[in-house]
């Protein structure tokens, strides 16, 4: 039986939470409706919100994928070492 590292669990939890948040933002009707409204208006403030929300979605997606990839590599190296 292997001892589970607390840091590994924390990174796994954060990556799963970030992917869930990304999926929520991507599939939410309210968020998508507001993004379309922001995109159609010519206000600079609304364009700023549009950019921030899209950057947040990309950050959550990339963080989730990179963290899961790093965990898989770490587990693979640990199994190979044994």
PDB file of N, CA and C in Angstrom:
ATOM      1  N   UNK A   1       0.843  -1.186   0.000  1.00  0.00           N
ATOM      2  CA  UNK A   1       0.000   0.000   0.000  1.00  0.00           C
ATOM      3  C   UNK A   1       0.880   1.238   0.000  1.00  0.00           C
ATOM      4  N   UNK A   2       0.588   2.163  -0.884  1.00  0.00           N
ATOM      5  CA  UNK A   2       1.365   3.380  -0.994  1.00  0.00           C
ATOM      6  C   UNK A   2       0.742   4.486  -0.159  1.00  0.00           C
ATOM      7  N   UNK A   3       1.606   5.288   0.409  1.00  0.00           N
ATOM      8  CA  UNK A   3       1.134   6.444   1.160  1.00  0.00           C
ATOM      9  C   UNK A   3       0.776   7.548   0.166  1.00  0.00           C
ATOM     10  N   UNK A   4      -0.400   8.113   0.331  1.00  0.00           N
ATOM     11  CA  UNK A   4      -0.859   9.165  -0.575  1.00  0.00           C
ATOM     12  C   UNK A   4      -0.362  10.503  -0.060  1.00  0.00           C
ATOM     13  N   UNK A   5       0.290  11.220  -0.952  1.00  0.00           N
ATOM     14  CA  UNK A   5       0.857  12.513  -0.613  1.00  0.00           C
ATOM     15  C   UNK A   5      -0.255  13.570  -0.577  1.00  0.00           C
ATOM     16  N   UNK A   6      -0.236  14.438   0.449  1.00  0.00           N
ATOM     17  CA  UNK A   6      -1.254  15.481   0.592  1.00  0.00           C
ATOM     18  C   UNK A   6      -1.178  16.484  -0.555  1.00  0.00           C
ATOM     19  N   UNK A   7       0.038  16.819  -1.008  1.00  0.00           N
ATOM     20  CA  UNK A   7       0.183  17.760  -2.118  1.00  0.00           C
ATOM     21  C   UNK A   7      -0.434  17.206  -3.396  1.00  0.00           C
ATOM     22  N   UNK A   8      -0.274  15.912  -3.605  1.00  0.00           N
ATOM     23  CA  UNK A   8      -0.854  15.283  -4.790  1.00  0.00           C
ATOM     24  C   UNK A   8      -2.373  15.356  -4.752  1.00  0.00           C
ATOM     25  N   UNK A   9      -2.950  15.082  -3.605  1.00  0.00           N
ATOM     26  CA  UNK A   9      -4.404  15.169  -3.475  1.00  0.00           C
ATOM     27  C   UNK A   9      -4.903  16.598  -3.672  1.00  0.00           C
ATOM     28  N   UNK A  10      -4.139  17.547  -3.166  1.00  0.00           N
ATOM     29  CA  UNK A  10      -4.529  18.948  -3.303  1.00  0.00           C
ATOM     30  C   UNK A  10      -4.510  19.381  -4.772  1.00  0.00           C
ATOM     31  N   UNK A  11      -3.461  19.004  -5.488  1.00  0.00           N
ATOM     32  CA  UNK A  11      -3.374  19.352  -6.908  1.00  0.00           C
ATOM     33  C   UNK A  11      -4.467  18.643  -7.698  1.00  0.00           C
ATOM     34  N   UNK A  12      -4.732  17.392  -7.363  1.00  0.00           N
ATOM     35  CA  UNK A  12      -5.800  16.657  -8.038  1.00  0.00           C
ATOM     36  C   UNK A  12      -7.148  17.329  -7.800  1.00  0.00           C
ATOM     37  N   UNK A  13      -7.422  17.716  -6.570  1.00  0.00           N
ATOM     38  CA  UNK A  13      -8.692  18.385  -6.249  1.00  0.00           C
ATOM     39  C   UNK A  13      -8.801  19.720  -6.979  1.00  0.00           C
ATOM     40  N   UNK A  14      -7.726  20.497  -7.000  1.00  0.00           N
ATOM     41  CA  UNK A  14      -7.764  21.787  -7.691  1.00  0.00           C
ATOM     42  C   UNK A  14      -7.961  21.624  -9.192  1.00  0.00           C
ATOM     43  N   UNK A  15      -7.322  20.626  -9.777  1.00  0.00           N
ATOM     44  CA  UNK A  15      -7.481  20.428 -11.214  1.00  0.00           C
ATOM     45  C   UNK A  15      -8.896  19.980 -11.555  1.00  0.00           C
ATOM     46  N   UNK A  16      -9.473  19.113 -10.732  1.00  0.00           N
ATOM     47  CA  UNK A  16     -10.844  18.677 -10.983  1.00  0.00           C
ATOM     48  C   UNK A  16     -11.825  19.828 -10.792  1.00  0.00           C
ATOM     49  N   UNK A  17     -11.617  20.622  -9.751  1.00  0.00           N
ATOM     50  CA  UNK A  17     -12.489  21.782  -9.522  1.00  0.00           C
ATOM     51  C   UNK A  17     -12.379  22.779 -10.662  1.00  0.00           C
ATOM     52  N   UNK A  18     -11.166  23.015 -11.162  1.00  0.00           N
ATOM     53  CA  UNK A  18     -11.009  23.968 -12.261  1.00  0.00           C
ATOM     54  C   UNK A  18     -11.678  23.458 -13.532  1.00  0.00           C
ATOM     55  N   UNK A  19     -11.604  22.158 -13.792  1.00  0.00           N
ATOM     56  CA  UNK A  19     -12.284  21.617 -14.973  1.00  0.00           C
ATOM     57  C   UNK A  19     -13.798  21.680 -14.823  1.00  0.00           C
ATOM     58  N   UNK A  20     -14.299  21.449 -13.607  1.00  0.00           N
ATOM     59  CA  UNK A  20     -15.747  21.559 -13.369  1.00  0.00           C
ATOM     60  C   UNK A  20     -16.210  23.009 -13.556  1.00  0.00           C
ATOM     61  N   UNK A  21     -15.426  23.963 -13.038  1.00  0.00           N
ATOM     62  CA  UNK A  21     -15.765  25.375 -13.229  1.00  0.00           C
ATOM     63  C   UNK A  21     -15.744  25.756 -14.698  1.00  0.00           C
ATOM     64  N   UNK A  22     -14.752  25.241 -15.437  1.00  0.00           N
ATOM     65  CA  UNK A  22     -14.689  25.512 -16.877  1.00  0.00           C
ATOM     66  C   UNK A  22     -15.937  24.982 -17.577  1.00  0.00           C
ATOM     67  N   UNK A  23     -16.307  23.744 -17.262  1.00  0.00           N
ATOM     68  CA  UNK A  23     -17.492  23.165 -17.896  1.00  0.00           C
ATOM     69  C   UNK A  23     -18.755  23.934 -17.524  1.00  0.00           C
ATOM     70  N   UNK A  24     -18.824  24.409 -16.274  1.00  0.00           N
ATOM     71  CA  UNK A  24     -19.976  25.209 -15.865  1.00  0.00           C
ATOM     72  C   UNK A  24     -20.041  26.509 -16.669  1.00  0.00           C
ATOM     73  N   UNK A  25     -18.907  27.209 -16.779  1.00  0.00           N
ATOM     74  CA  UNK A  25     -18.896  28.461 -17.525  1.00  0.00           C
ATOM     75  C   UNK A  25     -19.174  28.244 -19.013  1.00  0.00           C
ATOM     76  N   UNK A  26     -18.686  27.158 -19.547  1.00  0.00           N
ATOM     77  CA  UNK A  26     -18.862  26.875 -20.964  1.00  0.00           C
ATOM     78  C   UNK A  26     -20.307  26.508 -21.300  1.00  0.00           C
ATOM     79  N   UNK A  27     -20.990  25.810 -20.402  1.00  0.00           N
ATOM     80  CA  UNK A  27     -22.333  25.308 -20.690  1.00  0.00           C
ATOM     81  C   UNK A  27     -23.449  26.099 -20.020  1.00  0.00           C
ATOM     82  N   UNK A  28     -23.126  27.136 -19.279  1.00  0.00           N
ATOM     83  CA  UNK A  28     -24.139  27.912 -18.578  1.00  0.00           C
ATOM     84  C   UNK A  28     -24.887  28.823 -19.553  1.00  0.00           C
ATOM     85  N   UNK A  29     -26.199  28.740 -19.519  1.00  0.00           N
ATOM     86  CA  UNK A  29     -27.024  29.581 -20.392  1.00  0.00           C
ATOM     87  C   UNK A  29     -26.901  31.065 -20.027  1.00  0.00           C
ATOM     88  N   UNK A  30     -26.889  31.357 -18.722  1.00  0.00           N
ATOM     89  CA  UNK A  30     -26.801  32.754 -18.294  1.00  0.00           C
ATOM     90  C   UNK A  30     -25.484  33.383 -18.727  1.00  0.00           C
ATOM     91  N   UNK A  31     -24.392  32.654 -18.532  1.00  0.00           N
ATOM     92  CA  UNK A  31     -23.081  33.192 -18.893  1.00  0.00           C
ATOM     93  C   UNK A  31     -22.983  33.389 -20.404  1.00  0.00           C
ATOM     94  N   UNK A  32     -23.435  32.408 -21.167  1.00  0.00           N
ATOM     95  CA  UNK A  32     -23.376  32.525 -22.623  1.00  0.00           C
ATOM     96  C   UNK A  32     -24.275  33.641 -23.140  1.00  0.00           C
ATOM     97  N   UNK A  33     -25.437  33.820 -22.502  1.00  0.00           N
ATOM     98  CA  UNK A  33     -26.341  34.895 -22.897  1.00  0.00           C
ATOM     99  C   UNK A  33     -25.701  36.260 -22.647  1.00  0.00           C
ATOM    100  N   UNK A  34     -25.052  36.408 -21.497  1.00  0.00           N
ATOM    101  CA  UNK A  34     -24.398  37.677 -21.186  1.00  0.00           C
ATOM    102  C   UNK A  34     -23.200  37.920 -22.089  1.00  0.00           C
ATOM    103  N   UNK A  35     -22.471  36.863 -22.419  1.00  0.00           N
ATOM    104  CA  UNK A  35     -21.340  37.028 -23.330  1.00  0.00           C
ATOM    105  C   UNK A  35     -21.808  37.506 -24.701  1.00  0.00           C
ATOM    106  N   UNK A  36     -22.910  36.973 -25.173  1.00  0.00           N
ATOM    107  CA  UNK A  36     -23.448  37.436 -26.456  1.00  0.00           C
ATOM    108  C   UNK A  36     -23.901  38.886 -26.375  1.00  0.00           C
ATOM    109  N   UNK A  37     -24.492  39.265 -25.238  1.00  0.00           N
ATOM    110  CA  UNK A  37     -24.920  40.652 -25.069  1.00  0.00           C
ATOM    111  C   UNK A  37     -23.712  41.579 -24.993  1.00  0.00           C
ATOM    112  N   UNK A  38     -22.664  41.150 -24.272  1.00  0.00           N
ATOM    113  CA  UNK A  38     -21.445  41.952 -24.180  1.00  0.00           C
ATOM    114  C   UNK A  38     -20.793  42.111 -25.549  1.00  0.00           C
ATOM    115  N   UNK A  39     -20.823  41.049 -26.325  1.00  0.00           N
ATOM    116  CA  UNK A  39     -20.185  41.083 -27.635  1.00  0.00           C
ATOM    117  C   UNK A  39     -20.918  42.011 -28.595  1.00  0.00           C
ATOM    118  N   UNK A  40     -22.235  42.064 -28.473  1.00  0.00           N
ATOM    119  CA  UNK A  40     -23.022  42.874 -29.403  1.00  0.00           C
ATOM    120  C   UNK A  40     -22.983  44.366 -29.065  1.00  0.00           C
ATOM    121  N   UNK A  41     -22.755  44.721 -27.796  1.00  0.00           N
ATOM    122  CA  UNK A  41     -22.697  46.133 -27.421  1.00  0.00           C
ATOM    123  C   UNK A  41     -21.321  46.695 -27.725  1.00  0.00           C
ATOM    124  N   UNK A  42     -21.265  47.993 -27.883  1.00  0.00           N
ATOM    125  CA  UNK A  42     -20.004  48.640 -28.233  1.00  0.00           C
ATOM    126  C   UNK A  42     -19.344  49.327 -27.044  1.00  0.00           C
ATOM    127  N   UNK A  43     -19.758  49.011 -25.838  1.00  0.00           N
ATOM    128  CA  UNK A  43     -19.187  49.630 -24.650  1.00  0.00           C
ATOM    129  C   UNK A  43     -17.845  48.983 -24.313  1.00  0.00           C
ATOM    130  N   UNK A  44     -16.891  49.803 -23.887  1.00  0.00           N
ATOM    131  CA  UNK A  44     -15.562  49.289 -23.546  1.00  0.00           C
ATOM    132  C   UNK A  44     -15.628  48.459 -22.272  1.00  0.00           C
ATOM    133  N   UNK A  45     -16.445  48.869 -21.291  1.00  0.00           N
ATOM    134  CA  UNK A  45     -16.575  48.091 -20.057  1.00  0.00           C
ATOM    135  C   UNK A  45     -17.114  46.694 -20.316  1.00  0.00           C
ATOM    136  N   UNK A  46     -18.119  46.599 -21.159  1.00  0.00           N
ATOM    137  CA  UNK A  46     -18.695  45.294 -21.461  1.00  0.00           C
ATOM    138  C   UNK A  46     -17.723  44.442 -22.256  1.00  0.00           C
ATOM    139  N   UNK A  47     -16.940  45.064 -23.126  1.00  0.00           N
ATOM    140  CA  UNK A  47     -15.915  44.315 -23.848  1.00  0.00           C
ATOM    141  C   UNK A  47     -14.856  43.793 -22.885  1.00  0.00           C
ATOM    142  N   UNK A  48     -14.537  44.573 -21.853  1.00  0.00           N
ATOM    143  CA  UNK A  48     -13.588  44.134 -20.838  1.00  0.00           C
ATOM    144  C   UNK A  48     -14.091  42.911 -20.091  1.00  0.00           C
ATOM    145  N   UNK A  49     -15.366  42.911 -19.717  1.00  0.00           N
ATOM    146  CA  UNK A  49     -15.948  41.745 -19.064  1.00  0.00           C
ATOM    147  C   UNK A  49     -15.923  40.526 -19.986  1.00  0.00           C
ATOM    148  N   UNK A  50     -16.195  40.750 -21.262  1.00  0.00           N
ATOM    149  CA  UNK A  50     -16.169  39.668 -22.242  1.00  0.00           C
ATOM    150  C   UNK A  50     -14.776  39.039 -22.310  1.00  0.00           C
ATOM    151  N   UNK A  51     -13.755  39.864 -22.360  1.00  0.00           N
ATOM    152  CA  UNK A  51     -12.379  39.368 -22.430  1.00  0.00           C
ATOM    153  C   UNK A  51     -12.002  38.645 -21.141  1.00  0.00           C
ATOM    154  N   UNK A  52     -12.354  39.210 -19.987  1.00  0.00           N
ATOM    155  CA  UNK A  52     -11.999  38.604 -18.703  1.00  0.00           C
ATOM    156  C   UNK A  52     -12.657  37.237 -18.536  1.00  0.00           C
ATOM    157  N   UNK A  53     -13.917  37.118 -18.891  1.00  0.00           N
ATOM    158  CA  UNK A  53     -14.610  35.840 -18.745  1.00  0.00           C
ATOM    159  C   UNK A  53     -13.998  34.792 -19.669  1.00  0.00           C
ATOM    160  N   UNK A  54     -13.685  35.182 -20.901  1.00  0.00           N
ATOM    161  CA  UNK A  54     -13.072  34.220 -21.817  1.00  0.00           C
ATOM    162  C   UNK A  54     -11.666  33.836 -21.374  1.00  0.00           C
ATOM    163  N   UNK A  55     -10.886  34.769 -20.856  1.00  0.00           N
ATOM    164  CA  UNK A  55      -9.561  34.439 -20.330  1.00  0.00           C
ATOM    165  C   UNK A  55      -9.667  33.510 -19.122  1.00  0.00           C
ATOM    166  N   UNK A  56     -10.646  33.749 -18.261  1.00  0.00           N
ATOM    167  CA  UNK A  56     -10.865  32.888 -17.103  1.00  0.00           C
ATOM    168  C   UNK A  56     -11.205  31.462 -17.538  1.00  0.00           C
ATOM    169  N   UNK A  57     -12.061  31.344 -18.557  1.00  0.00           N
ATOM    170  CA  UNK A  57     -12.406  30.010 -19.049  1.00  0.00           C
ATOM    171  C   UNK A  57     -11.173  29.292 -19.588  1.00  0.00           C
ATOM    172  N   UNK A  58     -10.354  29.982 -20.370  1.00  0.00           N
ATOM    173  CA  UNK A  58      -9.149  29.354 -20.916  1.00  0.00           C
ATOM    174  C   UNK A  58      -8.159  28.995 -19.817  1.00  0.00           C
ATOM    175  N   UNK A  59      -8.006  29.872 -18.815  1.00  0.00           N
ATOM    176  CA  UNK A  59      -7.095  29.579 -17.706  1.00  0.00           C
ATOM    177  C   UNK A  59      -7.542  28.333 -16.950  1.00  0.00           C
ATOM    178  N   UNK A  60      -8.820  28.235 -16.645  1.00  0.00           N
ATOM    179  CA  UNK A  60      -9.337  27.076 -15.927  1.00  0.00           C
ATOM    180  C   UNK A  60      -9.122  25.792 -16.722  1.00  0.00           C
ATOM    181  N   UNK A  61      -9.370  25.855 -18.019  1.00  0.00           N
ATOM    182  CA  UNK A  61      -9.197  24.680 -18.864  1.00  0.00           C
ATOM    183  C   UNK A  61      -7.730  24.257 -18.937  1.00  0.00           C
ATOM    184  N   UNK A  62      -6.841  25.192 -19.191  1.00  0.00           N
ATOM    185  CA  UNK A  62      -5.420  24.872 -19.325  1.00  0.00           C
ATOM    186  C   UNK A  62      -4.842  24.393 -18.002  1.00  0.00           C
ATOM    187  N   UNK A  63      -5.201  25.037 -16.889  1.00  0.00           N
ATOM    188  CA  UNK A  63      -4.709  24.602 -15.584  1.00  0.00           C
ATOM    189  C   UNK A  63      -5.165  23.190 -15.274  1.00  0.00           C
ATOM    190  N   UNK A  64      -6.410  22.889 -15.533  1.00  0.00           N
ATOM    191  CA  UNK A  64      -6.933  21.552 -15.259  1.00  0.00           C
ATOM    192  C   UNK A  64      -6.220  20.485 -16.064  1.00  0.00           C
ATOM    193  N   UNK A  65      -5.993  20.743 -17.339  1.00  0.00           N
ATOM    194  CA  UNK A  65      -5.337  19.757 -18.203  1.00  0.00           C
ATOM    195  C   UNK A  65      -3.869  19.583 -17.816  1.00  0.00           C
ATOM    196  N   UNK A  66      -3.163  20.677 -17.581  1.00  0.00           N
ATOM    197  CA  UNK A  66      -1.741  20.580 -17.225  1.00  0.00           C
ATOM    198  C   UNK A  66      -1.565  19.888 -15.878  1.00  0.00           C
ATOM    199  N   UNK A  67      -2.395  20.209 -14.898  1.00  0.00           N
ATOM    200  CA  UNK A  67      -2.275  19.587 -13.579  1.00  0.00           C
ATOM    201  C   UNK A  67      -2.545  18.086 -13.653  1.00  0.00           C
ATOM    202  N   UNK A  68      -3.563  17.687 -14.397  1.00  0.00           N
ATOM    203  CA  UNK A  68      -3.837  16.258 -14.539  1.00  0.00           C
ATOM    204  C   UNK A  68      -2.707  15.544 -15.279  1.00  0.00           C
ATOM    205  N   UNK A  69      -2.145  16.181 -16.283  1.00  0.00           N
ATOM    206  CA  UNK A  69      -1.022  15.585 -17.008  1.00  0.00           C
ATOM    207  C   UNK A  69       0.185  15.413 -16.108  1.00  0.00           C
ATOM    208  N   UNK A  70       0.479  16.414 -15.300  1.00  0.00           N
ATOM    209  CA  UNK A  70       1.613  16.318 -14.380  1.00  0.00           C
ATOM    210  C   UNK A  70       1.395  15.213 -13.353  1.00  0.00           C
ATOM    211  N   UNK A  71       0.177  15.066 -12.864  1.00  0.00           N
ATOM    212  CA  UNK A  71      -0.115  13.995 -11.913  1.00  0.00           C
ATOM    213  C   UNK A  71       0.035  12.618 -12.545  1.00  0.00           C
ATOM    214  N   UNK A  72      -0.417  12.477 -13.771  1.00  0.00           N
ATOM    215  CA  UNK A  72      -0.279  11.192 -14.455  1.00  0.00           C
ATOM    216  C   UNK A  72       1.196  10.849 -14.659  1.00  0.00           C
ATOM    217  N   UNK A  73       1.996  11.837 -15.041  1.00  0.00           N
ATOM    218  CA  UNK A  73       3.436  11.608 -15.218  1.00  0.00           C
ATOM    219  C   UNK A  73       4.085  11.253 -13.884  1.00  0.00           C
ATOM    220  N   UNK A  74       3.697  11.930 -12.815  1.00  0.00           N
ATOM    221  CA  UNK A  74       4.254  11.647 -11.496  1.00  0.00           C
ATOM    222  C   UNK A  74       3.924  10.225 -11.043  1.00  0.00           C
ATOM    223  N   UNK A  75       2.697   9.808 -11.236  1.00  0.00           N
ATOM    224  CA  UNK A  75       2.289   8.459 -10.856  1.00  0.00           C
ATOM    225  C   UNK A  75       3.025   7.433 -11.717  1.00  0.00           C
ATOM    226  N   UNK A  76       3.177   7.710 -12.998  1.00  0.00           N
ATOM    227  CA  UNK A  76       3.878   6.791 -13.891  1.00  0.00           C
ATOM    228  C   UNK A  76       5.340   6.636 -13.468  1.00  0.00           C
ATOM    229  N   UNK A  77       5.992   7.750 -13.134  1.00  0.00           N
ATOM    230  CA  UNK A  77       7.390   7.683 -12.691  1.00  0.00           C
ATOM    231  C   UNK A  77       7.506   6.924 -11.374  1.00  0.00           C
ATOM    232  N   UNK A  78       6.566   7.137 -10.452  1.00  0.00           N
ATOM    233  CA  UNK A  78       6.578   6.450  -9.171  1.00  0.00           C
ATOM    234  C   UNK A  78       6.380   4.948  -9.359  1.00  0.00           C
ATOM    235  N   UNK A  79       5.476   4.548 -10.239  1.00  0.00           N
ATOM    236  CA  UNK A  79       5.244   3.126 -10.495  1.00  0.00           C
ATOM    237  C   UNK A  79       6.463   2.495 -11.170  1.00  0.00           C
ATOM    238  N   UNK A  80       7.110   3.242 -12.035  1.00  0.00           N
ATOM    239  CA  UNK A  80       8.271   2.741 -12.748  1.00  0.00           C
ATOM    240  C   UNK A  80       9.472   2.565 -11.813  1.00  0.00           C
ATOM    241  N   UNK A  81       9.545   3.452 -10.825  1.00  0.00           N
ATOM    242  CA  UNK A  81      10.643   3.409  -9.862  1.00  0.00           C
ATOM    243  C   UNK A  81      10.552   2.139  -9.007  1.00  0.00           C
ATOM    244  N   UNK A  82       9.334   1.712  -8.715  1.00  0.00           N
ATOM    245  CA  UNK A  82       9.139   0.514  -7.870  1.00  0.00           C
ATOM    246  C   UNK A  82       9.433  -0.686  -8.671  1.00  0.00           C
TER     247      UNK A  82
END
